[in-house]
Amino acid sequence: MKNITDSFVSVGHWPSVGSFEFNTDILATNLINLSVVLGVLIFFGKGVCASCVFQKRKQKILSTIRNSEELRRGAIEQLERARARLRKVEMEADEYRTNGYSEIEREKVNLINATLDSLKRLENFKNETIFFEQQRAINQVRQQVFQQALKRALRTLNSCLNSELHFRTISDNIGILGSVE
């Protein structure tokens, strides 16, 4: 043992005053440091062992994994609920769209039918108006033709009749009226 200690002492040497050198004497310098470190570890590390630290770390990791799994399951459930809600909303949107298109088509057909009815009524009114105007025009033409024919007949009679012919016409008419009685 003395040889071992001597080998450590001979390898290192004492530094001279005022200079800094590396001390390789482990027993001389590190023994104090080791004792301080071991003392601090023993004082603060009572009840702490490596397996306990690893066990606590393992429990914490497992707890974190369980929490993550629960959060994942919750997120999957929320995703499924959201997907179901999306499907429901899409079905309602399709139904509204279909109903909307059907309603638009019905309104379109109703509007076309109403327009056709209005056109038929207007056509009938137009035809009635045209017929009325034709009848009025025909009546006016008849009246004018009759008035002109009457004026022409009077002019012809007035120009052709003399007093003797006039008396004879009156006598013939009186005779005709007398025979009728």
C-alpha atoms as a PDB file:
ATOM      1  CA  MET A   1       0.000   0.000   0.000  1.00  0.00           C
ATOM      2  CA  LYS A   2       2.866   2.272   0.696  1.00  0.00           C
ATOM      3  CA  ASN A   3       4.028   1.785  -2.845  1.00  0.00           C
ATOM      4  CA  ILE A   4       0.719   2.885  -4.238  1.00  0.00           C
ATOM      5  CA  THR A   5       0.638   5.969  -2.083  1.00  0.00           C
ATOM      6  CA  ASP A   6       4.216   6.769  -2.913  1.00  0.00           C
ATOM      7  CA  SER A   7       3.485   6.440  -6.617  1.00  0.00           C
ATOM      8  CA  PHE A   8       0.729   9.034  -6.314  1.00  0.00           C
ATOM      9  CA  VAL A   9       2.887  11.338  -4.289  1.00  0.00           C
ATOM     10  CA  SER A  10       5.848  10.978  -6.591  1.00  0.00           C
ATOM     11  CA  VAL A  11       3.772  11.646  -9.699  1.00  0.00           C
ATOM     12  CA  GLY A  12       2.538  14.910  -8.359  1.00  0.00           C
ATOM     13  CA  HIS A  13       4.496  17.639  -6.763  1.00  0.00           C
ATOM     14  CA  TRP A  14       3.664  20.608  -4.658  1.00  0.00           C
ATOM     15  CA  PRO A  15       3.168  23.796  -6.570  1.00  0.00           C
ATOM     16  CA  SER A  16       5.377  26.668  -5.747  1.00  0.00           C
ATOM     17  CA  VAL A  17       3.936  29.783  -4.210  1.00  0.00           C
ATOM     18  CA  GLY A  18       2.552  32.279  -6.676  1.00  0.00           C
ATOM     19  CA  SER A  19       2.048  29.895  -9.563  1.00  0.00           C
ATOM     20  CA  PHE A  20      -0.837  27.654 -10.619  1.00  0.00           C
ATOM     21  CA  GLU A  21      -0.292  24.097 -11.637  1.00  0.00           C
ATOM     22  CA  PHE A  22      -2.440  21.029 -12.019  1.00  0.00           C
ATOM     23  CA  ASN A  23      -2.357  18.836  -8.934  1.00  0.00           C
ATOM     24  CA  THR A  24      -2.415  15.157  -9.778  1.00  0.00           C
ATOM     25  CA  ASP A  25      -2.377  13.936  -6.211  1.00  0.00           C
ATOM     26  CA  ILE A  26      -5.809  12.369  -5.947  1.00  0.00           C
ATOM     27  CA  LEU A  27      -5.598  11.474  -2.310  1.00  0.00           C
ATOM     28  CA  ALA A  28      -4.401  14.880  -1.208  1.00  0.00           C
ATOM     29  CA  THR A  29      -6.932  17.069  -2.949  1.00  0.00           C
ATOM     30  CA  ASN A  30      -9.885  14.946  -4.047  1.00  0.00           C
ATOM     31  CA  LEU A  31     -10.443  13.206  -0.771  1.00  0.00           C
ATOM     32  CA  ILE A  32     -11.862  16.393   0.726  1.00  0.00           C
ATOM     33  CA  ASN A  33     -13.985  17.051  -2.353  1.00  0.00           C
ATOM     34  CA  LEU A  34     -15.277  13.492  -2.358  1.00  0.00           C
ATOM     35  CA  SER A  35     -16.222  13.624   1.273  1.00  0.00           C
ATOM     36  CA  VAL A  36     -18.103  16.901   0.773  1.00  0.00           C
ATOM     37  CA  VAL A  37     -19.979  15.522  -2.245  1.00  0.00           C
ATOM     38  CA  LEU A  38     -20.809  12.261  -0.435  1.00  0.00           C
ATOM     39  CA  GLY A  39     -21.974  14.193   2.621  1.00  0.00           C
ATOM     40  CA  VAL A  40     -24.271  16.390   0.544  1.00  0.00           C
ATOM     41  CA  LEU A  41     -25.635  13.346  -1.298  1.00  0.00           C
ATOM     42  CA  ILE A  42     -26.295  11.468   1.900  1.00  0.00           C
ATOM     43  CA  PHE A  43     -27.909  14.484   3.595  1.00  0.00           C
ATOM     44  CA  PHE A  44     -30.170  15.492   0.673  1.00  0.00           C
ATOM     45  CA  GLY A  45     -30.579  12.066  -0.852  1.00  0.00           C
ATOM     46  CA  LYS A  46     -32.062  10.266   2.133  1.00  0.00           C
ATOM     47  CA  GLY A  47     -34.917   8.076   0.977  1.00  0.00           C
ATOM     48  CA  VAL A  48     -34.045   8.642  -2.673  1.00  0.00           C
ATOM     49  CA  CYS A  49     -32.869   5.689  -4.605  1.00  0.00           C
ATOM     50  CA  ALA A  50     -32.287   5.218  -8.309  1.00  0.00           C
ATOM     51  CA  SER A  51     -35.031   2.651  -8.666  1.00  0.00           C
ATOM     52  CA  CYS A  52     -37.470   4.984  -6.879  1.00  0.00           C
ATOM     53  CA  VAL A  53     -36.602   7.850  -9.215  1.00  0.00           C
ATOM     54  CA  PHE A  54     -37.015   5.582 -12.233  1.00  0.00           C
ATOM     55  CA  GLN A  55     -40.250   4.161 -10.814  1.00  0.00           C
ATOM     56  CA  LYS A  56     -41.693   7.673 -10.303  1.00  0.00           C
ATOM     57  CA  ARG A  57     -40.558   8.678 -13.785  1.00  0.00           C
ATOM     58  CA  LYS A  58     -42.102   5.518 -15.202  1.00  0.00           C
ATOM     59  CA  GLN A  59     -45.383   6.245 -13.379  1.00  0.00           C
ATOM     60  CA  LYS A  60     -45.374   9.810 -14.664  1.00  0.00           C
ATOM     61  CA  ILE A  61     -44.758   8.636 -18.236  1.00  0.00           C
ATOM     62  CA  LEU A  62     -47.506   5.988 -17.955  1.00  0.00           C
ATOM     63  CA  SER A  63     -49.870   8.588 -16.503  1.00  0.00           C
ATOM     64  CA  THR A  64     -49.055  10.961 -19.351  1.00  0.00           C
ATOM     65  CA  ILE A  65     -49.645   8.152 -21.880  1.00  0.00           C
ATOM     66  CA  ARG A  66     -52.988   7.286 -20.202  1.00  0.00           C
ATOM     67  CA  ASN A  67     -54.003  10.933 -20.238  1.00  0.00           C
ATOM     68  CA  SER A  68     -52.964  11.179 -23.881  1.00  0.00           C
ATOM     69  CA  GLU A  69     -54.985   8.052 -24.698  1.00  0.00           C
ATOM     70  CA  GLU A  70     -58.036   9.468 -22.895  1.00  0.00           C
ATOM     71  CA  LEU A  71     -57.627  12.768 -24.741  1.00  0.00           C
ATOM     72  CA  ARG A  72     -57.249  10.859 -27.989  1.00  0.00           C
ATOM     73  CA  ARG A  73     -60.403   8.832 -27.290  1.00  0.00           C
ATOM     74  CA  GLY A  74     -62.236  12.044 -26.402  1.00  0.00           C
ATOM     75  CA  ALA A  75     -61.011  13.689 -29.583  1.00  0.00           C
ATOM     76  CA  ILE A  76     -62.101  10.652 -31.622  1.00  0.00           C
ATOM     77  CA  GLU A  77     -65.553  10.779 -29.990  1.00  0.00           C
ATOM     78  CA  GLN A  78     -65.803  14.495 -30.704  1.00  0.00           C
ATOM     79  CA  LEU A  79     -64.681  13.860 -34.278  1.00  0.00           C
ATOM     80  CA  GLU A  80     -67.344  11.151 -34.701  1.00  0.00           C
ATOM     81  CA  ARG A  81     -70.011  13.453 -33.244  1.00  0.00           C
ATOM     82  CA  ALA A  82     -68.846  16.227 -35.559  1.00  0.00           C
ATOM     83  CA  ARG A  83     -68.923  13.843 -38.531  1.00  0.00           C
ATOM     84  CA  ALA A  84     -72.431  12.682 -37.597  1.00  0.00           C
ATOM     85  CA  ARG A  85     -73.537  16.305 -37.251  1.00  0.00           C
ATOM     86  CA  LEU A  86     -71.914  17.101 -40.619  1.00  0.00           C
ATOM     87  CA  ARG A  87     -73.755  14.197 -42.257  1.00  0.00           C
ATOM     88  CA  LYS A  88     -77.012  15.384 -40.697  1.00  0.00           C
ATOM     89  CA  VAL A  89     -76.419  18.959 -41.845  1.00  0.00           C
ATOM     90  CA  GLU A  90     -75.471  17.762 -45.335  1.00  0.00           C
ATOM     91  CA  MET A  91     -78.664  15.682 -45.507  1.00  0.00           C
ATOM     92  CA  GLU A  92     -80.717  18.683 -44.354  1.00  0.00           C
ATOM     93  CA  ALA A  93     -78.943  20.879 -46.898  1.00  0.00           C
ATOM     94  CA  ASP A  94     -79.672  18.346 -49.647  1.00  0.00           C
ATOM     95  CA  GLU A  95     -83.297  18.206 -48.504  1.00  0.00           C
ATOM     96  CA  TYR A  96     -83.553  22.005 -48.475  1.00  0.00           C
ATOM     97  CA  ARG A  97     -81.855  22.160 -51.847  1.00  0.00           C
ATOM     98  CA  THR A  98     -84.190  19.511 -53.276  1.00  0.00           C
ATOM     99  CA  ASN A  99     -87.236  21.155 -51.718  1.00  0.00           C
ATOM    100  CA  GLY A 100     -86.004  24.523 -52.893  1.00  0.00           C
ATOM    101  CA  TYR A 101     -85.590  23.291 -56.448  1.00  0.00           C
ATOM    102  CA  SER A 102     -89.011  21.621 -56.299  1.00  0.00           C
ATOM    103  CA  GLU A 103     -90.553  24.801 -54.924  1.00  0.00           C
ATOM    104  CA  ILE A 104     -88.838  26.841 -57.627  1.00  0.00           C
ATOM    105  CA  GLU A 105     -90.144  24.462 -60.298  1.00  0.00           C
ATOM    106  CA  ARG A 106     -93.673  24.634 -58.833  1.00  0.00           C
ATOM    107  CA  GLU A 107     -93.524  28.422 -58.706  1.00  0.00           C
ATOM    108  CA  LYS A 108     -92.201  28.458 -62.265  1.00  0.00           C
ATOM    109  CA  VAL A 109     -95.061  26.228 -63.466  1.00  0.00           C
ATOM    110  CA  ASN A 110     -97.592  28.328 -61.514  1.00  0.00           C
ATOM    111  CA  LEU A 111     -96.172  31.517 -62.986  1.00  0.00           C
ATOM    112  CA  ILE A 112     -96.268  30.070 -66.508  1.00  0.00           C
ATOM    113  CA  ASN A 113     -99.859  28.893 -65.990  1.00  0.00           C
ATOM    114  CA  ALA A 114    -100.897  32.263 -64.572  1.00  0.00           C
ATOM    115  CA  THR A 115     -99.217  34.025 -67.480  1.00  0.00           C
ATOM    116  CA  LEU A 116    -100.953  31.721 -69.978  1.00  0.00           C
ATOM    117  CA  ASP A 117    -104.309  32.414 -68.283  1.00  0.00           C
ATOM    118  CA  SER A 118    -103.660  36.137 -68.433  1.00  0.00           C
ATOM    119  CA  LEU A 119    -102.691  35.853 -72.099  1.00  0.00           C
ATOM    120  CA  LYS A 120    -105.868  33.884 -72.851  1.00  0.00           C
ATOM    121  CA  ARG A 121    -108.001  36.503 -71.061  1.00  0.00           C
ATOM    122  CA  LEU A 122    -106.221  39.286 -72.931  1.00  0.00           C
ATOM    123  CA  GLU A 123    -106.673  37.397 -76.223  1.00  0.00           C
ATOM    124  CA  ASN A 124    -110.401  36.955 -75.497  1.00  0.00           C
ATOM    125  CA  PHE A 125    -110.714  40.614 -74.543  1.00  0.00           C
ATOM    126  CA  LYS A 126    -108.857  41.604 -77.714  1.00  0.00           C
ATOM    127  CA  ASN A 127    -111.100  39.378 -79.831  1.00  0.00           C
ATOM    128  CA  GLU A 128    -114.229  40.775 -78.163  1.00  0.00           C
ATOM    129  CA  THR A 129    -112.961  44.314 -78.685  1.00  0.00           C
ATOM    130  CA  ILE A 130    -112.188  43.601 -82.334  1.00  0.00           C
ATOM    131  CA  PHE A 131    -115.621  41.999 -82.838  1.00  0.00           C
ATOM    132  CA  PHE A 132    -117.339  44.953 -81.136  1.00  0.00           C
ATOM    133  CA  GLU A 133    -115.363  47.437 -83.225  1.00  0.00           C
ATOM    134  CA  GLN A 134    -116.154  45.472 -86.401  1.00  0.00           C
ATOM    135  CA  GLN A 135    -119.860  45.465 -85.572  1.00  0.00           C
ATOM    136  CA  ARG A 136    -119.760  49.183 -84.823  1.00  0.00           C
ATOM    137  CA  ALA A 137    -117.904  49.849 -88.074  1.00  0.00           C
ATOM    138  CA  ILE A 138    -120.378  47.684 -90.016  1.00  0.00           C
ATOM    139  CA  ASN A 139    -123.309  49.514 -88.409  1.00  0.00           C
ATOM    140  CA  GLN A 140    -121.749  52.888 -89.235  1.00  0.00           C
ATOM    141  CA  VAL A 141    -121.146  51.797 -92.824  1.00  0.00           C
ATOM    142  CA  ARG A 142    -124.727  50.510 -93.066  1.00  0.00           C
ATOM    143  CA  GLN A 143    -126.082  53.775 -91.718  1.00  0.00           C
ATOM    144  CA  GLN A 144    -123.960  55.789 -94.107  1.00  0.00           C
ATOM    145  CA  VAL A 145    -124.906  53.548 -97.062  1.00  0.00           C
ATOM    146  CA  PHE A 146    -128.567  53.750 -96.079  1.00  0.00           C
ATOM    147  CA  GLN A 147    -128.409  57.541 -95.699  1.00  0.00           C
ATOM    148  CA  GLN A 148    -126.613  57.897 -98.998  1.00  0.00           C
ATOM    149  CA  ALA A 149    -129.064  55.543-100.721  1.00  0.00           C
ATOM    150  CA  LEU A 150    -131.971  57.475 -99.238  1.00  0.00           C
ATOM    151  CA  LYS A 151    -130.502  60.807-100.312  1.00  0.00           C
ATOM    152  CA  ARG A 152    -129.868  59.440-103.792  1.00  0.00           C
ATOM    153  CA  ALA A 153    -133.390  58.017-103.982  1.00  0.00           C
ATOM    154  CA  LEU A 154    -134.860  61.319-102.861  1.00  0.00           C
ATOM    155  CA  ARG A 155    -132.758  63.170-105.396  1.00  0.00           C
ATOM    156  CA  THR A 156    -133.794  60.747-108.093  1.00  0.00           C
ATOM    157  CA  LEU A 157    -137.440  60.972-107.102  1.00  0.00           C
ATOM    158  CA  ASN A 158    -137.328  64.721-106.837  1.00  0.00           C
ATOM    159  CA  SER A 159    -135.638  65.020-110.194  1.00  0.00           C
ATOM    160  CA  CYS A 160    -137.929  62.497-111.938  1.00  0.00           C
ATOM    161  CA  LEU A 161    -141.282  63.376-110.423  1.00  0.00           C
ATOM    162  CA  ASN A 162    -143.408  66.085-111.710  1.00  0.00           C
ATOM    163  CA  SER A 163    -146.713  67.073-110.257  1.00  0.00           C
ATOM    164  CA  GLU A 164    -148.799  64.796-112.493  1.00  0.00           C
ATOM    165  CA  LEU A 165    -146.627  61.753-111.693  1.00  0.00           C
ATOM    166  CA  HIS A 166    -146.719  62.758-108.100  1.00  0.00           C
ATOM    167  CA  PHE A 167    -150.517  62.763-107.968  1.00  0.00           C
ATOM    168  CA  ARG A 168    -150.731  59.465-109.812  1.00  0.00           C
ATOM    169  CA  THR A 169    -148.268  57.815-107.340  1.00  0.00           C
ATOM    170  CA  ILE A 170    -150.289  59.108-104.433  1.00  0.00           C
ATOM    171  CA  SER A 171    -153.514  57.799-105.966  1.00  0.00           C
ATOM    172  CA  ASP A 172    -152.009  54.375-106.599  1.00  0.00           C
ATOM    173  CA  ASN A 173    -150.741  54.188-103.045  1.00  0.00           C
ATOM    174  CA  ILE A 174    -154.153  55.220-101.703  1.00  0.00           C
ATOM    175  CA  GLY A 175    -155.746  52.507-103.837  1.00  0.00           C
ATOM    176  CA  ILE A 176    -153.335  49.900-102.529  1.00  0.00           C
ATOM    177  CA  LEU A 177    -154.021  50.966 -98.987  1.00  0.00           C
ATOM    178  CA  GLY A 178    -157.770  50.876 -99.635  1.00  0.00           C
ATOM    179  CA  SER A 179    -157.639  47.331-100.944  1.00  0.00           C
ATOM    180  CA  VAL A 180    -155.691  46.181 -97.912  1.00  0.00           C
ATOM    181  CA  GLU A 181    -158.461  47.242 -95.607  1.00  0.00           C
END
